[in-house]
Amino acid sequence: MSSDGTRESTAATMDPSGAILPAIDHWTHRAWLELGRSLREHSLFIAFVAVYVAFGALLPRWLGVAATGADDLYAGFFLALVGVSAAIFIICYAIHLKLALKPANFTAALQEAVFGRFLTLRRLSIVLPVILVLPFFGATFTNLKVLIPAIAPFSWDADFSEWDRLLHGGLYPWQILQPVLGYPYVTSLINAVYHFWFFLAYAVISWQIASTDRPRLRMQYLLTFVLAWAVIGNIMAIVLSSAGPVYFGRVTGLPDPYAPLMSYLQHANTIAPVPALRVQDMLWKVYQSHGIAIGSGISAMPSLHVAIAVTTALLARQIDRRLGVGAMIFTAFILIGSVHLGWHYAIDGYVSIVATLLIWYGVGWLLNRRAVTRLLWGNESAVPAG
């Protein structure tokens, strides 16, 4: 007995595959289970993106419009987004760990957190489906946005400008804001807050892509996020095709009520930086050249900046009311900044707020349906309160 046991022990030591192969099979099985679960949970998200991408490919053909094509525009961008977001998060967590938690063994604690809490099989499995489809989504959005003038030439600017004036007591909204905001350093600060929107939007979407908490709320946010870009940023922008105050005179040929605002912004830029002016010039040059680039395309109504800010505020409110208040204040800054910097008519933002609320609560209603709940999570009791 002992000699047989000794031989078996020696054989196991010399051939460790007897222990390694079952471990590999175990982890492979778990990975497939987690990936299958994740694909089921993201089925609505994936289905919507697939339909949207197909719609974006077919619409130019149906309308006989030549598509520029941005199919490979976002692959590297989203890969960089994931890498940069992960690196920033790990650095911030390491600083928090070192200064606040102060473990006895910092390196061991950081390693345990990274591989035991953050880079788990569950987290990687929920990130993968979203990251794989977002580049196709982003390319479709940009393809459709740059085609707006070809599909529906800018024709609403004069109407929106006049409605803006009538709605605000006979004054253009920028005129109401100018006595308060018309100081170069104030304008520069507003521009900085307005451009911070890009960092906040990508930080929040990165956070939610990788979040394993509140799965229902996460899915409500992800679906609202992509629907806002598709419905508000593409479909409504085509139906309500307009270029915005900064381009009013160029697209309408009418006397430009926004010329004094743009003159002020040019003057302010000589005192304190107003980077919005460079972006506006870049977008116009890309538009004139019929080119395409990340973020290219001109449209005013409705305001996608406001829509995404509202989406962030709705998410924040569900997590913490104080955080929600801060996000709503930020949304107000985005709305005001969009008018003061010449990007949007005020009603662009008002329409966006209403449209985003309808999308958010519509998605929430859909996720509460029993059939959808069973599809995503198997049964209602498995859905954590969001």
Protein backbone atom coordinates (compact mmCIF):
# COMPACT_ATOMS: atom_id res chain seq x y z
CA MET A 1 0.00 0.00 0.00
CA SER A 2 2.68 2.44 1.02
CA SER A 3 4.85 1.66 -2.00
CA ASP A 4 1.90 2.21 -4.36
CA GLY A 5 1.09 5.44 -2.63
CA THR A 6 4.71 6.52 -2.91
CA ARG A 7 4.77 5.74 -6.64
CA GLU A 8 1.51 7.71 -7.20
CA SER A 9 2.88 10.67 -5.25
CA THR A 10 6.12 10.59 -7.19
CA ALA A 11 4.26 10.35 -10.51
CA ALA A 12 2.08 13.34 -9.57
CA THR A 13 5.18 15.32 -8.68
CA MET A 14 6.92 14.46 -11.94
CA ASP A 15 3.78 15.03 -14.04
CA PRO A 16 1.92 18.03 -12.60
CA SER A 17 -0.54 18.04 -15.53
CA GLY A 18 -2.74 15.82 -13.41
CA ALA A 19 -3.39 18.88 -11.23
CA ILE A 20 -3.03 21.59 -13.88
CA LEU A 21 -5.41 20.22 -16.52
CA PRO A 22 -8.40 19.87 -14.18
CA ALA A 23 -7.76 23.45 -12.98
CA ILE A 24 -7.70 24.69 -16.58
CA ASP A 25 -10.92 22.79 -17.32
CA HIS A 26 -12.51 24.27 -14.21
CA TRP A 27 -11.63 27.86 -15.10
CA THR A 28 -12.59 27.36 -18.76
CA HIS A 29 -15.96 26.03 -17.69
CA ARG A 30 -16.47 28.96 -15.32
CA ALA A 31 -15.44 31.43 -18.02
CA TRP A 32 -17.96 30.01 -20.48
CA LEU A 33 -20.70 30.09 -17.84
CA GLU A 34 -19.95 33.70 -16.95
CA LEU A 35 -19.73 34.75 -20.59
CA GLY A 36 -23.02 33.03 -21.38
CA ARG A 37 -24.66 34.73 -18.43
CA SER A 38 -23.23 38.07 -19.51
CA LEU A 39 -24.43 37.68 -23.10
CA ARG A 40 -27.92 36.94 -21.82
CA GLU A 41 -27.88 39.97 -19.53
CA HIS A 42 -26.70 42.17 -22.41
CA SER A 43 -29.05 40.68 -25.00
CA LEU A 44 -31.24 43.79 -25.27
CA PHE A 45 -28.19 46.03 -25.47
CA ILE A 46 -26.53 43.89 -28.15
CA ALA A 47 -29.79 43.56 -30.11
CA PHE A 48 -30.34 47.31 -30.14
CA VAL A 49 -26.79 48.05 -31.28
CA ALA A 50 -27.10 45.40 -34.02
CA VAL A 51 -30.36 46.92 -35.30
CA TYR A 52 -28.89 50.43 -35.09
CA VAL A 53 -25.74 49.46 -37.01
CA ALA A 54 -27.85 47.76 -39.70
CA PHE A 55 -30.09 50.85 -39.90
CA GLY A 56 -27.04 53.10 -40.21
CA ALA A 57 -25.67 50.99 -43.06
CA LEU A 58 -28.97 50.76 -44.96
CA LEU A 59 -30.34 54.31 -44.56
CA PRO A 60 -27.83 56.00 -46.93
CA ARG A 61 -28.57 53.34 -49.57
CA TRP A 62 -32.32 53.81 -49.21
CA LEU A 63 -31.93 57.58 -49.59
CA GLY A 64 -29.30 57.37 -52.33
CA VAL A 65 -26.76 59.29 -50.25
CA ALA A 66 -23.05 58.55 -50.48
CA ALA A 67 -21.76 57.47 -47.06
CA THR A 68 -18.29 58.66 -46.03
CA GLY A 69 -17.61 55.66 -43.78
CA ALA A 70 -16.12 55.58 -40.29
CA ASP A 71 -16.10 51.82 -39.77
CA ASP A 72 -12.59 51.64 -38.29
CA LEU A 73 -12.64 55.09 -36.69
CA TYR A 74 -13.37 54.08 -33.11
CA ALA A 75 -11.71 50.68 -32.60
CA GLY A 76 -8.43 52.16 -31.38
CA PHE A 77 -10.25 54.95 -29.57
CA PHE A 78 -12.34 52.60 -27.42
CA LEU A 79 -9.34 50.36 -26.77
CA ALA A 80 -7.42 53.41 -25.56
CA LEU A 81 -10.47 54.45 -23.51
CA VAL A 82 -10.48 51.13 -21.69
CA GLY A 83 -6.74 51.19 -21.06
CA VAL A 84 -6.60 54.79 -19.89
CA SER A 85 -9.70 54.42 -17.70
CA ALA A 86 -8.33 51.28 -16.06
CA ALA A 87 -4.92 52.90 -15.49
CA ILE A 88 -6.44 56.04 -13.95
CA PHE A 89 -8.67 53.97 -11.69
CA ILE A 90 -5.81 51.77 -10.46
CA ILE A 91 -3.61 54.83 -9.80
CA CYS A 92 -6.40 56.58 -7.87
CA TYR A 93 -7.13 53.44 -5.89
CA ALA A 94 -3.45 52.95 -5.10
CA ILE A 95 -3.25 56.53 -3.77
CA HIS A 96 -6.39 55.94 -1.68
CA LEU A 97 -4.96 52.67 -0.38
CA LYS A 98 -1.64 54.26 0.54
CA LEU A 99 -2.95 57.44 2.16
CA ALA A 100 -6.30 56.41 3.61
CA LEU A 101 -6.27 52.67 4.32
CA LYS A 102 -2.52 52.40 5.05
CA PRO A 103 -2.12 48.60 4.93
CA ALA A 104 0.92 46.98 6.53
CA ASN A 105 1.96 45.52 3.18
CA PHE A 106 0.97 48.00 0.48
CA THR A 107 2.12 45.89 -2.49
CA ALA A 108 0.30 42.76 -1.32
CA ALA A 109 -2.88 44.73 -0.55
CA LEU A 110 -2.84 46.41 -3.95
CA GLN A 111 -2.26 43.09 -5.70
CA GLU A 112 -5.12 41.49 -3.77
CA ALA A 113 -7.46 44.36 -4.66
CA VAL A 114 -6.55 44.35 -8.36
CA PHE A 115 -6.83 40.59 -8.90
CA GLY A 116 -9.31 39.75 -6.15
CA ARG A 117 -11.82 42.59 -6.54
CA PHE A 118 -11.34 44.40 -9.84
CA LEU A 119 -10.02 42.00 -12.50
CA THR A 120 -12.42 39.21 -11.62
CA LEU A 121 -13.90 36.76 -14.09
CA ARG A 122 -17.36 38.22 -13.51
CA ARG A 123 -16.23 41.77 -14.16
CA LEU A 124 -14.29 40.86 -17.29
CA SER A 125 -17.27 38.93 -18.65
CA ILE A 126 -19.64 41.89 -18.31
CA VAL A 127 -17.12 44.31 -19.83
CA LEU A 128 -16.43 42.22 -22.93
CA PRO A 129 -19.84 42.38 -24.72
CA VAL A 130 -20.10 46.16 -24.28
CA ILE A 131 -16.55 46.91 -25.37
CA LEU A 132 -16.86 44.70 -28.45
CA VAL A 133 -19.99 46.44 -29.80
CA LEU A 134 -19.29 50.07 -28.85
CA PRO A 135 -16.81 50.72 -31.71
CA PHE A 136 -19.50 49.69 -34.22
CA PHE A 137 -22.00 51.89 -32.43
CA GLY A 138 -19.66 54.90 -32.43
CA ALA A 139 -18.83 54.47 -36.11
CA THR A 140 -22.52 54.29 -37.03
CA PHE A 141 -23.31 57.40 -35.00
CA THR A 142 -20.59 59.43 -36.71
CA ASN A 143 -21.51 58.09 -40.15
CA LEU A 144 -25.09 59.25 -39.69
CA LYS A 145 -24.20 62.56 -38.06
CA VAL A 146 -21.93 63.72 -40.86
CA LEU A 147 -24.68 62.76 -43.34
CA ILE A 148 -27.32 64.97 -41.70
CA PRO A 149 -26.93 67.89 -44.16
CA ALA A 150 -27.04 65.47 -47.12
CA ILE A 151 -30.13 63.69 -45.79
CA ALA A 152 -31.89 66.81 -44.49
CA PRO A 153 -30.21 70.16 -45.26
CA PHE A 154 -30.11 72.64 -42.37
CA SER A 155 -33.54 74.26 -42.55
CA TRP A 156 -34.74 74.84 -38.99
CA ASP A 157 -32.28 77.43 -37.71
CA ALA A 158 -34.41 80.49 -38.47
CA ASP A 159 -37.46 78.91 -36.84
CA PHE A 160 -35.62 77.73 -33.74
CA SER A 161 -33.95 81.11 -33.34
CA GLU A 162 -37.29 82.90 -33.51
CA TRP A 163 -38.99 80.43 -31.16
CA ASP A 164 -36.09 80.93 -28.75
CA ARG A 165 -36.63 84.68 -28.82
CA LEU A 166 -40.41 84.47 -28.37
CA LEU A 167 -40.09 81.94 -25.54
CA HIS A 168 -37.70 84.23 -23.64
CA GLY A 169 -39.70 87.43 -23.66
CA GLY A 170 -38.49 88.87 -26.95
CA LEU A 171 -34.78 88.51 -26.18
CA TYR A 172 -32.41 85.87 -27.45
CA PRO A 173 -31.24 83.72 -24.52
CA TRP A 174 -27.61 84.68 -25.08
CA GLN A 175 -28.63 88.34 -24.58
CA ILE A 176 -30.22 87.45 -21.23
CA LEU A 177 -27.05 85.66 -20.12
CA GLN A 178 -24.56 88.22 -21.40
CA PRO A 179 -24.80 90.78 -18.56
CA VAL A 180 -23.98 88.01 -16.07
CA LEU A 181 -21.56 85.88 -18.06
CA GLY A 182 -20.06 88.34 -20.53
CA TYR A 183 -16.64 88.60 -18.88
CA PRO A 184 -13.66 86.86 -20.53
CA TYR A 185 -12.52 84.92 -17.47
CA VAL A 186 -16.07 83.83 -16.68
CA THR A 187 -16.50 82.71 -20.29
CA SER A 188 -13.22 80.80 -20.15
CA LEU A 189 -14.36 79.04 -16.96
CA ILE A 190 -17.68 78.12 -18.56
CA ASN A 191 -15.81 76.77 -21.58
CA ALA A 192 -13.65 74.64 -19.26
CA VAL A 193 -16.75 73.20 -17.56
CA TYR A 194 -18.36 72.60 -20.94
CA HIS A 195 -15.34 70.68 -22.23
CA PHE A 196 -15.11 68.76 -18.95
CA TRP A 197 -18.33 67.10 -20.16
CA PHE A 198 -16.22 64.86 -22.43
CA PHE A 199 -14.12 63.58 -19.54
CA LEU A 200 -17.10 63.10 -17.24
CA ALA A 201 -19.17 61.32 -19.91
CA TYR A 202 -16.38 58.85 -20.68
CA ALA A 203 -15.53 58.38 -17.00
CA VAL A 204 -19.13 57.51 -16.16
CA ILE A 205 -19.63 55.16 -19.12
CA SER A 206 -16.32 53.45 -18.29
CA TRP A 207 -17.43 53.09 -14.67
CA GLN A 208 -20.78 51.61 -15.64
CA ILE A 209 -19.32 49.28 -18.23
CA ALA A 210 -17.15 47.70 -15.51
CA SER A 211 -19.61 47.95 -12.61
CA THR A 212 -20.96 44.78 -11.03
CA ASP A 213 -23.19 46.66 -8.58
CA ARG A 214 -26.84 47.50 -9.27
CA PRO A 215 -27.11 45.46 -12.52
CA ARG A 216 -30.59 46.73 -13.37
CA LEU A 217 -29.63 50.39 -12.89
CA ARG A 218 -26.46 49.76 -14.89
CA MET A 219 -28.48 48.32 -17.77
CA GLN A 220 -30.96 51.20 -17.60
CA TYR A 221 -28.05 53.63 -17.88
CA LEU A 222 -26.31 51.76 -20.73
CA LEU A 223 -29.51 51.48 -22.79
CA THR A 224 -30.43 55.12 -22.14
CA PHE A 225 -26.90 56.18 -23.08
CA VAL A 226 -26.93 54.49 -26.49
CA LEU A 227 -30.57 55.43 -27.17
CA ALA A 228 -29.78 59.07 -26.42
CA TRP A 229 -26.96 59.07 -28.98
CA ALA A 230 -29.03 57.21 -31.57
CA VAL A 231 -32.49 58.75 -31.11
CA ILE A 232 -31.58 62.26 -29.98
CA GLY A 233 -28.20 62.58 -31.68
CA ASN A 234 -29.16 60.97 -34.99
CA ILE A 235 -32.87 60.50 -35.66
CA MET A 236 -34.18 63.69 -34.04
CA ALA A 237 -31.17 65.62 -35.36
CA ILE A 238 -32.06 64.55 -38.91
CA VAL A 239 -35.77 65.39 -38.53
CA LEU A 240 -34.95 68.76 -36.88
CA SER A 241 -31.82 69.49 -38.91
CA SER A 242 -30.15 72.70 -37.72
CA ALA A 243 -26.58 73.96 -37.40
CA GLY A 244 -26.78 76.18 -34.33
CA PRO A 245 -26.17 79.86 -33.52
CA VAL A 246 -22.44 79.78 -34.34
CA TYR A 247 -23.23 78.86 -37.95
CA PHE A 248 -26.54 80.73 -38.25
CA GLY A 249 -25.44 83.34 -40.79
CA ARG A 250 -23.55 80.78 -42.88
CA VAL A 251 -26.43 78.32 -43.26
CA THR A 252 -29.39 80.72 -43.47
CA GLY A 253 -28.00 83.74 -45.35
CA LEU A 254 -30.14 85.91 -43.04
CA PRO A 255 -29.01 88.80 -40.82
CA ASP A 256 -27.17 87.10 -37.99
CA PRO A 257 -28.50 87.91 -34.48
CA TYR A 258 -25.61 85.90 -33.02
CA ALA A 259 -22.83 87.92 -34.67
CA PRO A 260 -22.39 90.13 -31.56
CA LEU A 261 -22.08 87.00 -29.39
CA MET A 262 -19.44 85.49 -31.66
CA SER A 263 -17.57 88.82 -31.78
CA TYR A 264 -17.55 88.90 -27.99
CA LEU A 265 -16.24 85.31 -27.83
CA GLN A 266 -13.44 86.18 -30.26
CA HIS A 267 -12.52 89.16 -28.09
CA ALA A 268 -12.70 87.08 -24.90
CA ASN A 269 -10.36 84.55 -26.47
CA THR A 270 -7.63 87.22 -26.72
CA ILE A 271 -7.79 87.64 -22.92
CA ALA A 272 -8.59 84.13 -21.65
CA PRO A 273 -8.70 80.92 -23.70
CA VAL A 274 -12.02 79.94 -25.29
CA PRO A 275 -11.17 76.59 -26.98
CA ALA A 276 -14.74 76.18 -28.24
CA LEU A 277 -13.89 78.60 -31.06
CA ARG A 278 -11.17 76.27 -32.40
CA VAL A 279 -13.50 73.28 -32.24
CA GLN A 280 -16.23 75.21 -34.05
CA ASP A 281 -13.79 76.18 -36.81
CA MET A 282 -12.55 72.59 -37.09
CA LEU A 283 -16.08 71.18 -37.40
CA TRP A 284 -16.92 73.71 -40.11
CA LYS A 285 -13.78 72.86 -42.10
CA VAL A 286 -14.53 69.12 -41.86
CA TYR A 287 -18.12 69.82 -42.93
CA GLN A 288 -16.98 71.86 -45.94
CA SER A 289 -14.47 69.21 -46.99
CA HIS A 290 -17.04 66.41 -46.60
CA GLY A 291 -14.51 64.66 -44.40
CA ILE A 292 -14.94 62.60 -41.27
CA ALA A 293 -13.18 62.44 -37.90
CA ILE A 294 -13.90 61.42 -34.33
CA GLY A 295 -16.57 63.77 -33.04
CA SER A 296 -17.21 65.35 -36.45
CA GLY A 297 -20.61 66.34 -37.75
CA ILE A 298 -22.72 69.45 -37.13
CA SER A 299 -26.16 69.46 -35.51
CA ALA A 300 -27.84 71.65 -32.92
CA MET A 301 -31.34 70.38 -32.17
CA PRO A 302 -31.53 68.54 -29.83
CA SER A 303 -28.46 69.03 -27.64
CA LEU A 304 -26.63 65.76 -27.10
CA HIS A 305 -24.40 67.42 -24.49
CA VAL A 306 -27.46 68.17 -22.38
CA ALA A 307 -28.93 64.72 -23.02
CA ILE A 308 -25.85 62.88 -21.73
CA ALA A 309 -25.56 65.25 -18.77
CA VAL A 310 -29.19 64.52 -17.87
CA THR A 311 -28.54 60.77 -18.22
CA THR A 312 -25.61 61.10 -15.81
CA ALA A 313 -27.76 63.07 -13.36
CA LEU A 314 -30.50 60.42 -13.45
CA LEU A 315 -27.94 57.71 -12.73
CA ALA A 316 -26.31 59.75 -9.94
CA ARG A 317 -29.67 60.46 -8.30
CA GLN A 318 -30.38 56.73 -8.02
CA ILE A 319 -27.02 56.12 -6.35
CA ASP A 320 -26.88 59.09 -3.97
CA ARG A 321 -29.20 62.11 -3.79
CA ARG A 322 -26.35 64.49 -2.99
CA LEU A 323 -24.43 63.17 -5.98
CA GLY A 324 -27.60 63.66 -8.02
CA VAL A 325 -27.86 67.30 -6.96
CA GLY A 326 -24.28 67.90 -8.03
CA ALA A 327 -24.94 66.24 -11.39
CA MET A 328 -28.06 68.37 -11.92
CA ILE A 329 -26.07 71.53 -11.21
CA PHE A 330 -23.50 70.34 -13.74
CA THR A 331 -26.33 69.78 -16.26
CA ALA A 332 -27.49 73.37 -15.71
CA PHE A 333 -23.95 74.58 -16.44
CA ILE A 334 -23.90 72.54 -19.66
CA LEU A 335 -27.24 74.01 -20.76
CA ILE A 336 -26.11 77.56 -20.01
CA GLY A 337 -22.69 76.99 -21.56
CA SER A 338 -24.21 75.60 -24.75
CA VAL A 339 -26.06 78.90 -25.23
CA HIS A 340 -23.31 81.25 -24.06
CA LEU A 341 -20.67 79.60 -26.28
CA GLY A 342 -22.91 79.76 -29.36
CA TRP A 343 -23.34 76.01 -29.78
CA HIS A 344 -27.08 75.74 -29.22
CA TYR A 345 -30.41 77.50 -29.08
CA ALA A 346 -31.84 77.21 -25.57
CA ILE A 347 -34.74 75.11 -26.83
CA ASP A 348 -32.22 72.53 -28.06
CA GLY A 349 -31.50 71.81 -24.41
CA TYR A 350 -35.14 71.93 -23.33
CA VAL A 351 -36.12 69.36 -25.94
CA SER A 352 -33.18 67.17 -24.94
CA ILE A 353 -34.22 67.17 -21.30
CA VAL A 354 -37.74 66.01 -22.15
CA ALA A 355 -36.53 63.43 -24.68
CA THR A 356 -33.94 62.01 -22.27
CA LEU A 357 -36.47 61.69 -19.46
CA LEU A 358 -38.84 59.86 -21.79
CA ILE A 359 -36.06 57.47 -22.84
CA TRP A 360 -34.86 56.87 -19.27
CA TYR A 361 -38.30 56.08 -17.87
CA GLY A 362 -39.29 54.17 -21.00
CA VAL A 363 -36.23 51.93 -20.60
CA GLY A 364 -37.05 51.53 -16.90
CA TRP A 365 -40.60 50.48 -17.77
CA LEU A 366 -39.26 47.97 -20.30
CA LEU A 367 -36.79 46.46 -17.83
CA ASN A 368 -39.61 46.04 -15.30
CA ARG A 369 -41.66 43.87 -17.67
CA ARG A 370 -41.80 40.28 -16.44
CA ALA A 371 -40.82 38.77 -19.82
CA VAL A 372 -37.78 41.01 -20.15
CA THR A 373 -36.79 40.30 -16.55
CA ARG A 374 -36.89 36.56 -17.15
CA LEU A 375 -34.88 36.98 -20.36
CA LEU A 376 -32.13 38.96 -18.69
CA TRP A 377 -31.86 37.51 -15.21
CA GLY A 378 -33.91 34.32 -15.24
CA ASN A 379 -36.44 35.41 -12.63
CA GLU A 380 -37.52 38.58 -10.91
CA SER A 381 -36.09 37.61 -7.54
CA ALA A 382 -32.63 37.52 -9.12
CA VAL A 383 -32.79 41.19 -10.04
CA PRO A 384 -31.21 43.40 -7.38
CA ALA A 385 -33.13 46.57 -6.65
CA GLY A 386 -31.82 49.33 -8.86
